[in-house]
C-alpha atoms as a PDB file:
ATOM      1  CA  MET A   1      72.847 -12.791 -45.925  1.00  0.00           C
ATOM      2  CA  ASN A   2      72.990 -12.832 -42.107  1.00  0.00           C
ATOM      3  CA  GLU A   3      70.244 -14.576 -40.195  1.00  0.00           C
ATOM      4  CA  LYS A   4      67.823 -12.346 -38.284  1.00  0.00           C
ATOM      5  CA  PRO A   5      69.125 -12.046 -34.695  1.00  0.00           C
ATOM      6  CA  LYS A   6      67.351 -13.913 -31.898  1.00  0.00           C
ATOM      7  CA  PHE A   7      68.466 -11.128 -29.523  1.00  0.00           C
ATOM      8  CA  SER A   8      68.484  -7.415 -30.338  1.00  0.00           C
ATOM      9  CA  SER A   9      71.074  -6.642 -27.679  1.00  0.00           C
ATOM     10  CA  VAL A  10      73.745  -8.475 -25.698  1.00  0.00           C
ATOM     11  CA  VAL A  11      75.286  -7.425 -22.387  1.00  0.00           C
ATOM     12  CA  PHE A  12      78.839  -8.399 -21.422  1.00  0.00           C
ATOM     13  CA  ALA A  13      79.223  -8.195 -17.639  1.00  0.00           C
ATOM     14  CA  GLY A  14      82.557  -7.305 -16.070  1.00  0.00           C
ATOM     15  CA  GLY A  15      84.662  -9.929 -14.369  1.00  0.00           C
ATOM     16  CA  GLY A  16      88.355  -9.594 -15.148  1.00  0.00           C
ATOM     17  CA  CYS A  17      89.907 -12.764 -16.533  1.00  0.00           C
ATOM     18  CA  ARG A  18      86.614 -14.588 -15.968  1.00  0.00           C
ATOM     19  CA  SER A  19      85.165 -12.577 -18.866  1.00  0.00           C
ATOM     20  CA  VAL A  20      86.997 -14.885 -21.265  1.00  0.00           C
ATOM     21  CA  TRP A  21      84.053 -17.236 -20.620  1.00  0.00           C
ATOM     22  CA  GLN A  22      81.953 -14.802 -22.679  1.00  0.00           C
ATOM     23  CA  ALA A  23      84.324 -15.054 -25.632  1.00  0.00           C
ATOM     24  CA  GLY A  24      84.159 -18.839 -25.493  1.00  0.00           C
ATOM     25  CA  PHE A  25      80.360 -18.766 -25.403  1.00  0.00           C
ATOM     26  CA  TRP A  26      80.236 -16.267 -28.279  1.00  0.00           C
ATOM     27  CA  SER A  27      82.570 -18.355 -30.435  1.00  0.00           C
ATOM     28  CA  VAL A  28      79.980 -21.131 -30.733  1.00  0.00           C
ATOM     29  CA  ALA A  29      76.664 -19.337 -30.127  1.00  0.00           C
ATOM     30  CA  ALA A  30      76.982 -16.061 -32.034  1.00  0.00           C
ATOM     31  CA  GLY A  31      76.336 -17.574 -35.467  1.00  0.00           C
ATOM     32  CA  PRO A  32      73.280 -19.708 -34.618  1.00  0.00           C
ATOM     33  CA  LEU A  33      71.755 -16.898 -32.539  1.00  0.00           C
ATOM     34  CA  GLY A  34      72.540 -14.121 -35.018  1.00  0.00           C
ATOM     35  CA  LEU A  35      74.393 -12.179 -32.323  1.00  0.00           C
ATOM     36  CA  ASP A  36      76.726 -10.471 -34.786  1.00  0.00           C
ATOM     37  CA  GLN A  37      73.935  -7.991 -35.537  1.00  0.00           C
ATOM     38  CA  ALA A  38      73.054  -7.201 -31.926  1.00  0.00           C
ATOM     39  CA  VAL A  39      73.937  -3.980 -30.114  1.00  0.00           C
ATOM     40  CA  ILE A  40      76.346  -4.711 -27.255  1.00  0.00           C
ATOM     41  CA  GLY A  41      76.512  -3.084 -23.832  1.00  0.00           C
ATOM     42  CA  ALA A  42      79.646  -3.921 -21.862  1.00  0.00           C
ATOM     43  CA  THR A  43      81.880  -2.888 -19.014  1.00  0.00           C
ATOM     44  CA  SER A  44      85.347  -3.602 -17.672  1.00  0.00           C
ATOM     45  CA  ALA A  45      86.907  -6.786 -19.094  1.00  0.00           C
ATOM     46  CA  GLY A  46      83.536  -7.550 -20.654  1.00  0.00           C
ATOM     47  CA  ALA A  47      84.183  -4.549 -22.905  1.00  0.00           C
ATOM     48  CA  ALA A  48      87.530  -6.040 -23.895  1.00  0.00           C
ATOM     49  CA  MET A  49      85.856  -9.337 -24.786  1.00  0.00           C
ATOM     50  CA  ALA A  50      83.116  -7.554 -26.731  1.00  0.00           C
ATOM     51  CA  CYS A  51      85.721  -5.737 -28.824  1.00  0.00           C
ATOM     52  CA  LEU A  52      87.690  -8.936 -29.270  1.00  0.00           C
ATOM     53  CA  VAL A  53      84.780 -10.960 -30.631  1.00  0.00           C
ATOM     54  CA  ARG A  54      83.398  -8.128 -32.764  1.00  0.00           C
ATOM     55  CA  SER A  55      86.775  -7.449 -34.333  1.00  0.00           C
ATOM     56  CA  GLY A  56      87.031 -11.075 -35.449  1.00  0.00           C
ATOM     57  CA  ARG A  57      90.172 -11.587 -33.396  1.00  0.00           C
ATOM     58  CA  THR A  58      89.015 -14.035 -30.719  1.00  0.00           C
ATOM     59  CA  GLU A  59      91.634 -16.728 -31.347  1.00  0.00           C
ATOM     60  CA  GLU A  60      94.431 -14.206 -31.837  1.00  0.00           C
ATOM     61  CA  GLY A  61      93.415 -12.335 -28.702  1.00  0.00           C
ATOM     62  CA  LEU A  62      93.283 -15.461 -26.566  1.00  0.00           C
ATOM     63  CA  LEU A  63      96.728 -16.465 -27.802  1.00  0.00           C
ATOM     64  CA  ALA A  64      98.098 -12.961 -27.202  1.00  0.00           C
ATOM     65  CA  PHE A  65      96.960 -12.898 -23.589  1.00  0.00           C
ATOM     66  CA  LYS A  66      98.012 -16.489 -22.913  1.00  0.00           C
ATOM     67  CA  SER A  67     101.514 -15.846 -24.215  1.00  0.00           C
ATOM     68  CA  ARG A  68     101.851 -12.764 -22.021  1.00  0.00           C
ATOM     69  CA  PHE A  69     100.509 -14.599 -18.972  1.00  0.00           C
ATOM     70  CA  ALA A  70     102.958 -17.447 -19.572  1.00  0.00           C
ATOM     71  CA  ARG A  71     105.883 -14.998 -19.533  1.00  0.00           C
ATOM     72  CA  ASN A  72     104.665 -13.214 -16.400  1.00  0.00           C
ATOM     73  CA  PRO A  73     105.555 -15.168 -13.225  1.00  0.00           C
ATOM     74  CA  ARG A  74     103.974 -12.798 -10.677  1.00  0.00           C
ATOM     75  CA  ASN A  75     100.942 -10.582 -10.152  1.00  0.00           C
ATOM     76  CA  MET A  76     102.889  -8.221  -7.897  1.00  0.00           C
ATOM     77  CA  TYR A  77     106.571  -7.252  -7.984  1.00  0.00           C
ATOM     78  CA  LEU A  78     107.465  -5.824  -4.585  1.00  0.00           C
ATOM     79  CA  ASN A  79     111.106  -5.540  -5.637  1.00  0.00           C
ATOM     80  CA  ARG A  80     110.034  -2.689  -7.930  1.00  0.00           C
ATOM     81  CA  LEU A  81     108.952  -0.466  -5.040  1.00  0.00           C
ATOM     82  CA  GLY A  82     110.789   2.829  -5.240  1.00  0.00           C
ATOM     83  CA  THR A  83     112.219   2.108  -8.693  1.00  0.00           C
ATOM     84  CA  GLY A  84     109.566   3.880 -10.747  1.00  0.00           C
ATOM     85  CA  LEU A  85     108.592   0.604 -12.399  1.00  0.00           C
ATOM     86  CA  PRO A  86     105.008  -0.674 -11.959  1.00  0.00           C
ATOM     87  CA  VAL A  87     104.542  -3.006  -9.002  1.00  0.00           C
ATOM     88  CA  PHE A  88     101.454  -4.478 -10.643  1.00  0.00           C
ATOM     89  CA  PRO A  89     101.957  -5.693 -14.249  1.00  0.00           C
ATOM     90  CA  GLN A  90      98.283  -6.034 -15.166  1.00  0.00           C
ATOM     91  CA  GLU A  91      97.678  -2.637 -16.774  1.00  0.00           C
ATOM     92  CA  ALA A  92     100.611  -2.870 -19.187  1.00  0.00           C
ATOM     93  CA  LEU A  93      99.832  -6.480 -20.137  1.00  0.00           C
ATOM     94  CA  TYR A  94      96.143  -5.625 -20.581  1.00  0.00           C
ATOM     95  CA  ARG A  95      96.914  -2.747 -22.949  1.00  0.00           C
ATOM     96  CA  GLU A  96      99.529  -4.758 -24.869  1.00  0.00           C
ATOM     97  CA  GLY A  97      97.122  -7.652 -25.379  1.00  0.00           C
ATOM     98  CA  ILE A  98      94.407  -5.382 -26.763  1.00  0.00           C
ATOM     99  CA  LEU A  99      96.695  -3.444 -29.098  1.00  0.00           C
ATOM    100  CA  SER A 100      98.420  -6.577 -30.383  1.00  0.00           C
ATOM    101  CA  VAL A 101      95.266  -7.733 -32.194  1.00  0.00           C
ATOM    102  CA  LEU A 102      93.677  -4.438 -33.254  1.00  0.00           C
ATOM    103  CA  ASP A 103      95.131  -4.087 -36.734  1.00  0.00           C
ATOM    104  CA  SER A 104      93.447  -1.904 -39.363  1.00  0.00           C
ATOM    105  CA  GLU A 105      91.046  -4.647 -40.465  1.00  0.00           C
ATOM    106  CA  ALA A 106      89.968  -5.455 -36.907  1.00  0.00           C
ATOM    107  CA  LEU A 107      89.545  -1.767 -36.103  1.00  0.00           C
ATOM    108  CA  ASP A 108      87.425  -1.250 -39.212  1.00  0.00           C
ATOM    109  CA  ARG A 109      85.068  -4.011 -38.062  1.00  0.00           C
ATOM    110  CA  LEU A 110      84.694  -2.346 -34.674  1.00  0.00           C
ATOM    111  CA  LEU A 111      84.082   1.156 -35.958  1.00  0.00           C
ATOM    112  CA  HIS A 112      81.709   0.217 -38.781  1.00  0.00           C
ATOM    113  CA  GLY A 113      79.852  -2.736 -37.282  1.00  0.00           C
ATOM    114  CA  PRO A 114      76.926  -2.793 -34.842  1.00  0.00           C
ATOM    115  CA  ASP A 115      77.448  -0.539 -31.846  1.00  0.00           C
ATOM    116  CA  ILE A 116      79.411  -1.507 -28.732  1.00  0.00           C
ATOM    117  CA  ARG A 117      78.531   0.748 -25.803  1.00  0.00           C
ATOM    118  CA  VAL A 118      80.989   0.816 -22.916  1.00  0.00           C
ATOM    119  CA  LEU A 119      80.010   1.763 -19.363  1.00  0.00           C
ATOM    120  CA  LEU A 120      82.287   3.886 -17.171  1.00  0.00           C
ATOM    121  CA  ALA A 121      81.792   5.043 -13.581  1.00  0.00           C
ATOM    122  CA  ILE A 122      82.334   8.771 -12.989  1.00  0.00           C
ATOM    123  CA  PRO A 123      83.023   9.641  -9.327  1.00  0.00           C
ATOM    124  CA  PRO A 124      81.534  12.640  -7.493  1.00  0.00           C
ATOM    125  CA  LYS A 125      83.387  15.850  -8.371  1.00  0.00           C
ATOM    126  CA  ARG A 126      83.479  16.920  -4.734  1.00  0.00           C
ATOM    127  CA  LEU A 127      85.876  14.093  -3.863  1.00  0.00           C
ATOM    128  CA  PRO A 128      89.590  13.827  -4.740  1.00  0.00           C
ATOM    129  CA  PRO A 129      90.162  11.013  -7.282  1.00  0.00           C
ATOM    130  CA  GLN A 130      92.083   8.773  -4.867  1.00  0.00           C
ATOM    131  CA  LEU A 131      89.467   9.110  -2.134  1.00  0.00           C
ATOM    132  CA  ALA A 132      86.599   8.597  -4.596  1.00  0.00           C
ATOM    133  CA  THR A 133      88.265   5.485  -5.979  1.00  0.00           C
ATOM    134  CA  GLY A 134      88.700   3.931  -2.556  1.00  0.00           C
ATOM    135  CA  LEU A 135      85.146   4.822  -1.549  1.00  0.00           C
ATOM    136  CA  GLY A 136      83.629   3.406  -4.730  1.00  0.00           C
ATOM    137  CA  ILE A 137      85.560   0.145  -4.597  1.00  0.00           C
ATOM    138  CA  ALA A 138      84.779  -0.268  -0.891  1.00  0.00           C
ATOM    139  CA  ALA A 139      81.052   0.308  -1.461  1.00  0.00           C
ATOM    140  CA  TYR A 140      80.944  -2.109  -4.383  1.00  0.00           C
ATOM    141  CA  SER A 141      82.921  -4.797  -2.557  1.00  0.00           C
ATOM    142  CA  LEU A 142      80.834  -4.541   0.617  1.00  0.00           C
ATOM    143  CA  GLU A 143      77.536  -4.636  -1.284  1.00  0.00           C
ATOM    144  CA  LYS A 144      78.716  -7.630  -3.305  1.00  0.00           C
ATOM    145  CA  HIS A 145      79.840  -9.470  -0.157  1.00  0.00           C
ATOM    146  CA  LEU A 146      76.686  -8.771   1.851  1.00  0.00           C
ATOM    147  CA  LEU A 147      73.941  -8.882  -0.785  1.00  0.00           C
ATOM    148  CA  ARG A 148      75.446 -10.395  -3.964  1.00  0.00           C
ATOM    149  CA  PRO A 149      73.180  -8.248  -6.165  1.00  0.00           C
ATOM    150  CA  MET A 150      72.973  -8.683  -9.911  1.00  0.00           C
ATOM    151  CA  HIS A 151      72.852  -4.902 -10.333  1.00  0.00           C
ATOM    152  CA  PRO A 152      74.670  -3.010  -7.535  1.00  0.00           C
ATOM    153  CA  VAL A 153      73.291   0.362  -6.417  1.00  0.00           C
ATOM    154  CA  TRP A 154      75.352   1.558  -3.459  1.00  0.00           C
ATOM    155  CA  ALA A 155      77.959   3.435  -5.500  1.00  0.00           C
ATOM    156  CA  GLN A 156      75.278   5.387  -7.367  1.00  0.00           C
ATOM    157  CA  LYS A 157      73.678   6.326  -4.047  1.00  0.00           C
ATOM    158  CA  LEU A 158      77.060   7.764  -3.030  1.00  0.00           C
ATOM    159  CA  GLY A 159      77.102   9.983  -6.115  1.00  0.00           C
ATOM    160  CA  PHE A 160      78.911   7.858  -8.688  1.00  0.00           C
ATOM    161  CA  ARG A 161      77.217   8.175 -12.057  1.00  0.00           C
ATOM    162  CA  PRO A 162      77.220   6.010 -15.168  1.00  0.00           C
ATOM    163  CA  GLN A 163      78.625   7.239 -18.461  1.00  0.00           C
ATOM    164  CA  VAL A 164      78.128   5.243 -21.649  1.00  0.00           C
ATOM    165  CA  VAL A 165      80.618   5.717 -24.491  1.00  0.00           C
ATOM    166  CA  SER A 166      80.281   4.183 -27.947  1.00  0.00           C
ATOM    167  CA  VAL A 167      83.327   2.459 -29.405  1.00  0.00           C
ATOM    168  CA  LYS A 168      82.407   4.265 -32.625  1.00  0.00           C
ATOM    169  CA  THR A 169      83.713   7.494 -31.064  1.00  0.00           C
ATOM    170  CA  CYS A 170      87.228   6.019 -31.128  1.00  0.00           C
ATOM    171  CA  LYS A 171      89.526   7.142 -33.930  1.00  0.00           C
ATOM    172  CA  ASN A 172      92.240   4.504 -33.621  1.00  0.00           C
ATOM    173  CA  ALA A 173      93.364   1.424 -31.711  1.00  0.00           C
ATOM    174  CA  ASP A 174      94.877   3.506 -28.903  1.00  0.00           C
ATOM    175  CA  ASP A 175      91.496   5.157 -28.351  1.00  0.00           C
ATOM    176  CA  VAL A 176      89.851   1.729 -28.076  1.00  0.00           C
ATOM    177  CA  ALA A 177      92.474   0.531 -25.603  1.00  0.00           C
ATOM    178  CA  ASN A 178      92.101   3.721 -23.559  1.00  0.00           C
ATOM    179  CA  LEU A 179      88.321   3.318 -23.415  1.00  0.00           C
ATOM    180  CA  ILE A 180      88.603  -0.296 -22.272  1.00  0.00           C
ATOM    181  CA  LEU A 181      91.189   0.626 -19.609  1.00  0.00           C
ATOM    182  CA  GLN A 182      88.972   3.473 -18.396  1.00  0.00           C
ATOM    183  CA  SER A 183      86.062   1.069 -18.056  1.00  0.00           C
ATOM    184  CA  SER A 184      88.355  -1.406 -16.243  1.00  0.00           C
ATOM    185  CA  CYS A 185      89.994   1.091 -13.884  1.00  0.00           C
ATOM    186  CA  THR A 186      90.410  -0.741 -10.573  1.00  0.00           C
ATOM    187  CA  PRO A 187      93.464   0.469  -8.640  1.00  0.00           C
ATOM    188  CA  PRO A 188      96.034  -0.803  -7.896  1.00  0.00           C
ATOM    189  CA  PHE A 189      95.803  -3.146 -10.908  1.00  0.00           C
ATOM    190  CA  VAL A 190      94.832  -0.350 -13.309  1.00  0.00           C
ATOM    191  CA  ALA A 191      95.811   3.168 -12.265  1.00  0.00           C
ATOM    192  CA  ILE A 192      93.231   5.955 -12.168  1.00  0.00           C
ATOM    193  CA  GLN A 193      92.227   6.798 -15.739  1.00  0.00           C
ATOM    194  CA  TYR A 194      90.862  10.072 -17.095  1.00  0.00           C
ATOM    195  CA  ARG A 195      88.307  10.820 -19.789  1.00  0.00           C
ATOM    196  CA  ASP A 196      87.478  14.373 -20.835  1.00  0.00           C
ATOM    197  CA  HIS A 197      89.666  15.643 -17.978  1.00  0.00           C
ATOM    198  CA  GLN A 198      87.720  13.821 -15.279  1.00  0.00           C
ATOM    199  CA  PRO A 199      88.462  10.544 -13.466  1.00  0.00           C
ATOM    200  CA  ALA A 200      86.894   7.436 -14.996  1.00  0.00           C
ATOM    201  CA  LEU A 201      86.622   4.214 -13.009  1.00  0.00           C
ATOM    202  CA  ASP A 202      85.506   0.634 -13.589  1.00  0.00           C
ATOM    203  CA  GLY A 203      81.932   0.727 -14.869  1.00  0.00           C
ATOM    204  CA  GLY A 204      81.130  -2.269 -12.708  1.00  0.00           C
ATOM    205  CA  LEU A 205      80.998   0.076  -9.717  1.00  0.00           C
ATOM    206  CA  VAL A 206      77.663   1.429 -10.974  1.00  0.00           C
ATOM    207  CA  ASP A 207      76.430  -1.729 -12.733  1.00  0.00           C
ATOM    208  CA  ASN A 208      78.557  -4.789 -13.362  1.00  0.00           C
ATOM    209  CA  CYS A 209      75.829  -6.093 -15.712  1.00  0.00           C
ATOM    210  CA  PRO A 210      75.320  -2.886 -17.714  1.00  0.00           C
ATOM    211  CA  VAL A 211      71.823  -3.382 -19.074  1.00  0.00           C
ATOM    212  CA  LEU A 212      71.346   0.390 -18.904  1.00  0.00           C
ATOM    213  CA  ALA A 213      73.751   0.750 -21.829  1.00  0.00           C
ATOM    214  CA  VAL A 214      71.276  -0.956 -24.173  1.00  0.00           C
ATOM    215  CA  ALA A 215      68.001  -0.145 -22.392  1.00  0.00           C
ATOM    216  CA  ASP A 216      66.767   1.814 -25.419  1.00  0.00           C
ATOM    217  CA  VAL A 217      67.156  -1.149 -27.793  1.00  0.00           C
ATOM    218  CA  GLU A 218      63.825  -2.853 -28.411  1.00  0.00           C
ATOM    219  CA  GLY A 219      63.550  -6.628 -28.432  1.00  0.00           C
ATOM    220  CA  PRO A 220      65.039  -9.549 -26.496  1.00  0.00           C
ATOM    221  CA  MET A 221      68.248  -8.976 -24.509  1.00  0.00           C
ATOM    222  CA  LEU A 222      70.883 -11.597 -23.684  1.00  0.00           C
ATOM    223  CA  VAL A 223      73.009 -10.954 -20.577  1.00  0.00           C
ATOM    224  CA  LEU A 224      76.291 -12.875 -20.340  1.00  0.00           C
ATOM    225  CA  LEU A 225      77.491 -13.042 -16.740  1.00  0.00           C
ATOM    226  CA  THR A 226      80.958 -14.029 -15.537  1.00  0.00           C
ATOM    227  CA  ARG A 227      80.192 -15.638 -12.182  1.00  0.00           C
ATOM    228  CA  ARG A 228      77.465 -17.657 -10.574  1.00  0.00           C
ATOM    229  CA  TYR A 229      74.635 -16.057  -8.590  1.00  0.00           C
ATOM    230  CA  PRO A 230      72.073 -17.466  -6.141  1.00  0.00           C
ATOM    231  CA  PRO A 231      68.777 -18.282  -7.903  1.00  0.00           C
ATOM    232  CA  ASP A 232      66.894 -15.515  -6.087  1.00  0.00           C
ATOM    233  CA  ARG A 233      69.222 -12.823  -7.490  1.00  0.00           C
ATOM    234  CA  PHE A 234      68.010 -13.168 -11.070  1.00  0.00           C
ATOM    235  CA  PRO A 235      65.555 -10.363 -11.954  1.00  0.00           C
ATOM    236  CA  GLU A 236      62.164 -11.426 -13.251  1.00  0.00           C
ATOM    237  CA  THR A 237      61.936  -9.372 -16.419  1.00  0.00           C
ATOM    238  CA  GLU A 238      60.404  -9.986 -19.804  1.00  0.00           C
ATOM    239  CA  ASN A 239      62.570 -10.048 -22.908  1.00  0.00           C
ATOM    240  CA  ARG A 240      65.776 -10.445 -20.871  1.00  0.00           C
ATOM    241  CA  LEU A 241      67.690 -13.722 -20.546  1.00  0.00           C
ATOM    242  CA  TYR A 242      70.550 -14.024 -18.050  1.00  0.00           C
ATOM    243  CA  LEU A 243      73.166 -16.729 -18.636  1.00  0.00           C
ATOM    244  CA  GLN A 244      75.859 -17.654 -16.121  1.00  0.00           C
ATOM    245  CA  PRO A 245      78.784 -20.094 -16.293  1.00  0.00           C
ATOM    246  CA  SER A 246      77.801 -23.661 -15.411  1.00  0.00           C
ATOM    247  CA  ALA A 247      80.675 -23.727 -12.900  1.00  0.00           C
ATOM    248  CA  PRO A 248      82.913 -21.068 -11.345  1.00  0.00           C
ATOM    249  CA  PRO A 249      85.411 -19.993 -14.038  1.00  0.00           C
ATOM    250  CA  PRO A 250      88.788 -21.538 -13.126  1.00  0.00           C
ATOM    251  CA  ILE A 251      90.735 -18.278 -12.935  1.00  0.00           C
ATOM    252  CA  ALA A 252      90.873 -15.273 -10.605  1.00  0.00           C
ATOM    253  CA  ARG A 253      89.858 -11.847 -11.903  1.00  0.00           C
ATOM    254  CA  TRP A 254      93.317 -10.272 -11.866  1.00  0.00           C
ATOM    255  CA  ASP A 255      95.540 -13.350 -12.124  1.00  0.00           C
ATOM    256  CA  TYR A 256      97.786 -12.505 -15.060  1.00  0.00           C
ATOM    257  CA  THR A 257     100.029 -15.538 -14.535  1.00  0.00           C
ATOM    258  CA  ASP A 258      97.541 -18.328 -15.262  1.00  0.00           C
ATOM    259  CA  ALA A 259      97.610 -19.049 -19.001  1.00  0.00           C
ATOM    260  CA  SER A 260      96.079 -22.511 -18.538  1.00  0.00           C
ATOM    261  CA  GLY A 261      93.259 -21.064 -16.419  1.00  0.00           C
ATOM    262  CA  LEU A 262      92.518 -18.554 -19.157  1.00  0.00           C
ATOM    263  CA  GLN A 263      92.232 -21.343 -21.735  1.00  0.00           C
ATOM    264  CA  ALA A 264      90.106 -23.463 -19.385  1.00  0.00           C
ATOM    265  CA  THR A 265      87.744 -20.519 -18.842  1.00  0.00           C
ATOM    266  CA  PHE A 266      87.405 -20.024 -22.599  1.00  0.00           C
ATOM    267  CA  ASP A 267      86.758 -23.757 -23.037  1.00  0.00           C
ATOM    268  CA  LEU A 268      84.071 -23.648 -20.327  1.00  0.00           C
ATOM    269  CA  GLY A 269      82.365 -20.871 -22.281  1.00  0.00           C
ATOM    270  CA  ARG A 270      82.427 -22.960 -25.449  1.00  0.00           C
ATOM    271  CA  GLU A 271      80.986 -25.976 -23.634  1.00  0.00           C
ATOM    272  CA  ASP A 272      78.256 -23.874 -22.035  1.00  0.00           C
ATOM    273  CA  GLY A 273      77.483 -22.337 -25.419  1.00  0.00           C
ATOM    274  CA  GLU A 274      77.091 -25.740 -27.017  1.00  0.00           C
ATOM    275  CA  ARG A 275      74.790 -26.922 -24.222  1.00  0.00           C
ATOM    276  CA  PHE A 276      72.745 -23.745 -24.463  1.00  0.00           C
ATOM    277  CA  LEU A 277      72.276 -24.168 -28.216  1.00  0.00           C
ATOM    278  CA  GLU A 278      71.060 -27.732 -27.704  1.00  0.00           C
ATOM    279  CA  ARG A 279      68.429 -26.540 -25.217  1.00  0.00           C
ATOM    280  CA  TRP A 280      67.548 -23.549 -27.386  1.00  0.00           C
ATOM    281  CA  GLU A 281      66.964 -25.650 -30.497  1.00  0.00           C
ATOM    282  CA  LYS A 282      64.747 -28.091 -28.601  1.00  0.00           C
ATOM    283  CA  LYS A 283      62.736 -25.247 -27.084  1.00  0.00           C
ATOM    284  CA  ASN A 284      62.397 -23.226 -30.280  1.00  0.00           C
END
């Protein structure tokens, strides 16, 4: 019988390749903290990691992405311009990595286990998709550079709205991969995605730490970040614990060539998870 969870919900922030830190943390902390029963809110690559750990395919997924990174020498292939082939390899490698581990058993765990809620950003209808994408990314990037907020707001003020989609609405592995790519849509690395005939962009544009996805879940919430923040950026809220990597993850968000950096980021998550459990056990 599973232990009663210490946290009712867990949030997986976005962060590209840095999100592998979350999988490393989960691999050592999920059991002792009873996280396997918690509702998850996630966005962007955090959604990919949430599906990976919940499907029971963490090791296989890490190996799948590392092997693809090792065979990919560049993050941009300018020689493909005008050929019809993708200049940026990230989207194809991202989708391949997800689908390679979502067999029937893994998919069954996702669809019949505790809920994973994925955040998307829906742009204003009055704007063409390309213009809306550029505007949203520019607003997010500028706000992050100037203010470094935990929960960005500028994109929502411009008319971008959050949409939360449960993984349980997916019928097959392709649906799961599509949902993750929609939540990770950051051109030019991932082309503009569509859901229900409307553009869907990276959920991090409206909240890179998507606590809103699990706001209705009562009880303590654990928020797993993917980068370090200044101390004064952490919200003072009850029943919500934010955890950040102990050091900057040693990989760039969209670097799909760095297999060793991916492993090192996972290992950092494991080490941070072990240290957290030591502190947690002493405190509780």
